[in-house]
Amino acid sequence: MSQEDEELLTVDRAAEILDVSHMTVRRYMDAGRLPKRRLGREYVLYPSDLKKLERPKAGRPRGSRNRPTPPAP
């Protein structure tokens, strides 16, 4: 299915699907993590855009455990 065949999503609907706020979706757009497309006065997304989104994993960053502690002065 090409993008032209997909139903367009509003920022609010994309936020519901991703389980984030609409401001987070806008930040993703501003950062280039999601494409910015306008249809009239609204920004819109394709569902396939959301599937391609790389979301940060929750939890501690890798490698942050087992760091050597600096020697005491």
N, C-alpha and C. Protein backbone atom coordinates (compact mmCIF):
# COMPACT_ATOMS: atom_id res chain seq x y z
N MET A 1 0.85 -1.17 0.00
CA MET A 1 0.00 0.00 0.00
C MET A 1 0.90 1.24 0.00
N SER A 2 0.66 2.17 -0.91
CA SER A 2 1.44 3.40 -0.94
C SER A 2 0.87 4.42 0.03
N GLN A 3 1.67 5.42 0.33
CA GLN A 3 1.21 6.43 1.29
C GLN A 3 -0.04 7.14 0.79
N GLU A 4 -0.16 7.32 -0.49
CA GLU A 4 -1.33 8.02 -1.02
C GLU A 4 -2.62 7.26 -0.74
N ASP A 5 -2.52 5.94 -0.53
CA ASP A 5 -3.70 5.12 -0.26
C ASP A 5 -4.06 5.10 1.23
N GLU A 6 -3.15 5.59 2.08
CA GLU A 6 -3.39 5.57 3.52
C GLU A 6 -4.24 6.77 3.95
N GLU A 7 -4.97 6.57 5.04
CA GLU A 7 -5.75 7.66 5.61
C GLU A 7 -4.82 8.56 6.41
N LEU A 8 -4.94 9.86 6.24
CA LEU A 8 -4.09 10.81 6.95
C LEU A 8 -4.50 10.91 8.41
N LEU A 9 -3.51 11.13 9.27
CA LEU A 9 -3.75 11.28 10.70
C LEU A 9 -3.45 12.71 11.13
N THR A 10 -4.23 13.24 12.03
CA THR A 10 -3.92 14.54 12.62
C THR A 10 -2.85 14.33 13.68
N VAL A 11 -2.26 15.43 14.15
CA VAL A 11 -1.26 15.36 15.21
C VAL A 11 -1.89 14.77 16.47
N ASP A 12 -3.11 15.17 16.78
CA ASP A 12 -3.78 14.64 17.97
C ASP A 12 -4.02 13.14 17.87
N ARG A 13 -4.44 12.66 16.71
CA ARG A 13 -4.68 11.22 16.53
C ARG A 13 -3.35 10.46 16.59
N ALA A 14 -2.30 11.00 15.98
CA ALA A 14 -0.98 10.36 16.05
C ALA A 14 -0.51 10.27 17.49
N ALA A 15 -0.77 11.31 18.27
CA ALA A 15 -0.39 11.31 19.68
C ALA A 15 -1.12 10.21 20.44
N GLU A 16 -2.41 10.01 20.15
CA GLU A 16 -3.17 8.94 20.79
C GLU A 16 -2.57 7.58 20.46
N ILE A 17 -2.24 7.37 19.21
CA ILE A 17 -1.69 6.09 18.76
C ILE A 17 -0.33 5.83 19.43
N LEU A 18 0.51 6.86 19.50
CA LEU A 18 1.84 6.71 20.10
C LEU A 18 1.81 6.75 21.62
N ASP A 19 0.69 7.13 22.18
CA ASP A 19 0.52 7.28 23.64
C ASP A 19 1.49 8.33 24.19
N VAL A 20 1.52 9.47 23.50
CA VAL A 20 2.31 10.63 23.92
C VAL A 20 1.42 11.86 23.77
N SER A 21 1.91 13.01 24.21
CA SER A 21 1.13 14.24 24.06
C SER A 21 1.27 14.77 22.63
N HIS A 22 0.35 15.65 22.25
CA HIS A 22 0.45 16.25 20.92
C HIS A 22 1.71 17.12 20.81
N MET A 23 2.17 17.67 21.93
CA MET A 23 3.41 18.47 21.91
C MET A 23 4.62 17.58 21.61
N THR A 24 4.60 16.36 22.10
CA THR A 24 5.70 15.44 21.80
C THR A 24 5.73 15.11 20.32
N VAL A 25 4.58 14.90 19.71
CA VAL A 25 4.52 14.64 18.26
C VAL A 25 5.08 15.86 17.52
N ARG A 26 4.72 17.06 17.94
CA ARG A 26 5.26 18.27 17.30
C ARG A 26 6.77 18.38 17.48
N ARG A 27 7.26 18.00 18.67
CA ARG A 27 8.72 18.02 18.89
C ARG A 27 9.41 17.02 17.97
N TYR A 28 8.81 15.84 17.80
CA TYR A 28 9.36 14.85 16.87
C TYR A 28 9.41 15.42 15.46
N MET A 29 8.39 16.17 15.07
CA MET A 29 8.37 16.79 13.74
C MET A 29 9.46 17.85 13.63
N ASP A 30 9.59 18.69 14.65
CA ASP A 30 10.60 19.75 14.63
C ASP A 30 12.01 19.18 14.60
N ALA A 31 12.21 18.03 15.26
CA ALA A 31 13.53 17.40 15.32
C ALA A 31 13.82 16.56 14.07
N GLY A 32 12.82 16.39 13.21
CA GLY A 32 13.03 15.60 12.00
C GLY A 32 12.79 14.11 12.20
N ARG A 33 12.31 13.71 13.36
CA ARG A 33 12.04 12.30 13.61
C ARG A 33 10.74 11.86 12.94
N LEU A 34 9.84 12.80 12.70
CA LEU A 34 8.63 12.59 11.91
C LEU A 34 8.57 13.66 10.84
N PRO A 35 8.05 13.32 9.65
CA PRO A 35 7.97 14.33 8.59
C PRO A 35 6.92 15.40 8.90
N LYS A 36 7.21 16.62 8.45
CA LYS A 36 6.26 17.72 8.62
C LYS A 36 5.51 17.91 7.30
N ARG A 37 4.22 17.60 7.33
CA ARG A 37 3.38 17.82 6.14
C ARG A 37 2.20 18.65 6.56
N ARG A 38 1.89 19.62 5.74
CA ARG A 38 0.72 20.45 6.02
C ARG A 38 -0.38 20.16 5.02
N LEU A 39 -1.59 20.16 5.55
CA LEU A 39 -2.77 20.08 4.71
C LEU A 39 -3.65 21.22 5.18
N GLY A 40 -3.62 22.31 4.43
CA GLY A 40 -4.29 23.52 4.87
C GLY A 40 -3.54 24.09 6.07
N ARG A 41 -4.22 24.23 7.19
CA ARG A 41 -3.59 24.78 8.39
C ARG A 41 -3.14 23.70 9.37
N GLU A 42 -3.41 22.43 9.05
CA GLU A 42 -3.11 21.31 9.95
C GLU A 42 -1.87 20.56 9.49
N TYR A 43 -1.11 20.05 10.46
CA TYR A 43 -0.05 19.09 10.15
C TYR A 43 -0.68 17.71 10.13
N VAL A 44 -0.27 16.89 9.18
CA VAL A 44 -0.83 15.54 9.05
C VAL A 44 0.31 14.53 8.89
N LEU A 45 0.00 13.30 9.23
CA LEU A 45 0.97 12.20 9.13
C LEU A 45 0.28 11.00 8.51
N TYR A 46 1.08 10.12 7.92
CA TYR A 46 0.59 8.83 7.46
C TYR A 46 0.85 7.80 8.56
N PRO A 47 0.00 6.79 8.69
CA PRO A 47 0.26 5.75 9.68
C PRO A 47 1.64 5.10 9.51
N SER A 48 2.10 4.97 8.28
CA SER A 48 3.42 4.35 8.05
C SER A 48 4.55 5.21 8.63
N ASP A 49 4.33 6.53 8.75
CA ASP A 49 5.33 7.40 9.38
C ASP A 49 5.54 6.99 10.84
N LEU A 50 4.45 6.64 11.50
CA LEU A 50 4.53 6.28 12.91
C LEU A 50 5.25 4.95 13.10
N LYS A 51 5.08 4.04 12.15
CA LYS A 51 5.73 2.74 12.24
C LYS A 51 7.24 2.87 12.08
N LYS A 52 7.70 3.87 11.35
CA LYS A 52 9.13 4.06 11.11
C LYS A 52 9.82 4.82 12.25
N LEU A 53 9.04 5.37 13.15
CA LEU A 53 9.59 6.20 14.21
C LEU A 53 10.45 5.40 15.16
N GLU A 54 11.68 5.86 15.38
CA GLU A 54 12.58 5.26 16.36
C GLU A 54 12.30 5.93 17.69
N ARG A 55 11.74 5.18 18.62
CA ARG A 55 11.44 5.74 19.94
C ARG A 55 12.50 5.32 20.93
N PRO A 56 12.88 6.23 21.81
CA PRO A 56 13.88 5.85 22.81
C PRO A 56 13.33 4.77 23.75
N LYS A 57 14.20 3.88 24.15
CA LYS A 57 13.78 2.83 25.06
C LYS A 57 13.77 3.38 26.49
N ALA A 58 12.83 2.92 27.26
CA ALA A 58 12.73 3.36 28.65
C ALA A 58 13.81 2.68 29.48
N GLY A 59 14.20 3.35 30.52
CA GLY A 59 15.16 2.76 31.44
C GLY A 59 16.52 3.43 31.38
N ARG A 60 17.44 2.83 32.05
CA ARG A 60 18.79 3.37 32.17
C ARG A 60 19.54 3.20 30.85
N PRO A 61 20.30 4.22 30.43
CA PRO A 61 21.09 4.08 29.20
C PRO A 61 22.11 2.96 29.34
N ARG A 62 22.40 2.30 28.25
CA ARG A 62 23.37 1.20 28.27
C ARG A 62 24.74 1.73 28.67
N GLY A 63 25.43 0.95 29.43
CA GLY A 63 26.78 1.32 29.82
C GLY A 63 26.85 2.20 31.05
N SER A 64 25.72 2.62 31.59
CA SER A 64 25.76 3.51 32.74
C SER A 64 25.99 2.73 34.03
N ARG A 65 25.76 1.45 34.01
CA ARG A 65 26.03 0.62 35.19
C ARG A 65 27.47 0.13 35.12
N ASN A 66 28.03 -0.19 36.24
CA ASN A 66 29.39 -0.72 36.33
C ASN A 66 30.46 0.26 35.87
N ARG A 67 30.20 1.52 35.99
CA ARG A 67 31.24 2.50 35.71
C ARG A 67 32.18 2.54 36.91
N PRO A 68 33.47 2.64 36.66
CA PRO A 68 34.38 2.73 37.79
C PRO A 68 34.18 4.04 38.53
N THR A 69 34.25 3.98 39.84
CA THR A 69 34.10 5.19 40.64
C THR A 69 35.45 5.89 40.71
N PRO A 70 35.44 7.20 40.62
CA PRO A 70 36.71 7.91 40.67
C PRO A 70 37.34 7.78 42.06
N PRO A 71 38.67 7.76 42.12
CA PRO A 71 39.32 7.65 43.43
C PRO A 71 39.03 8.86 44.30
N ALA A 72 38.93 8.62 45.60
CA ALA A 72 38.68 9.70 46.55
C ALA A 72 39.92 10.55 46.69
N PRO A 73 39.77 11.87 46.80
CA PRO A 73 40.96 12.75 46.93
C PRO A 73 41.62 12.65 48.28
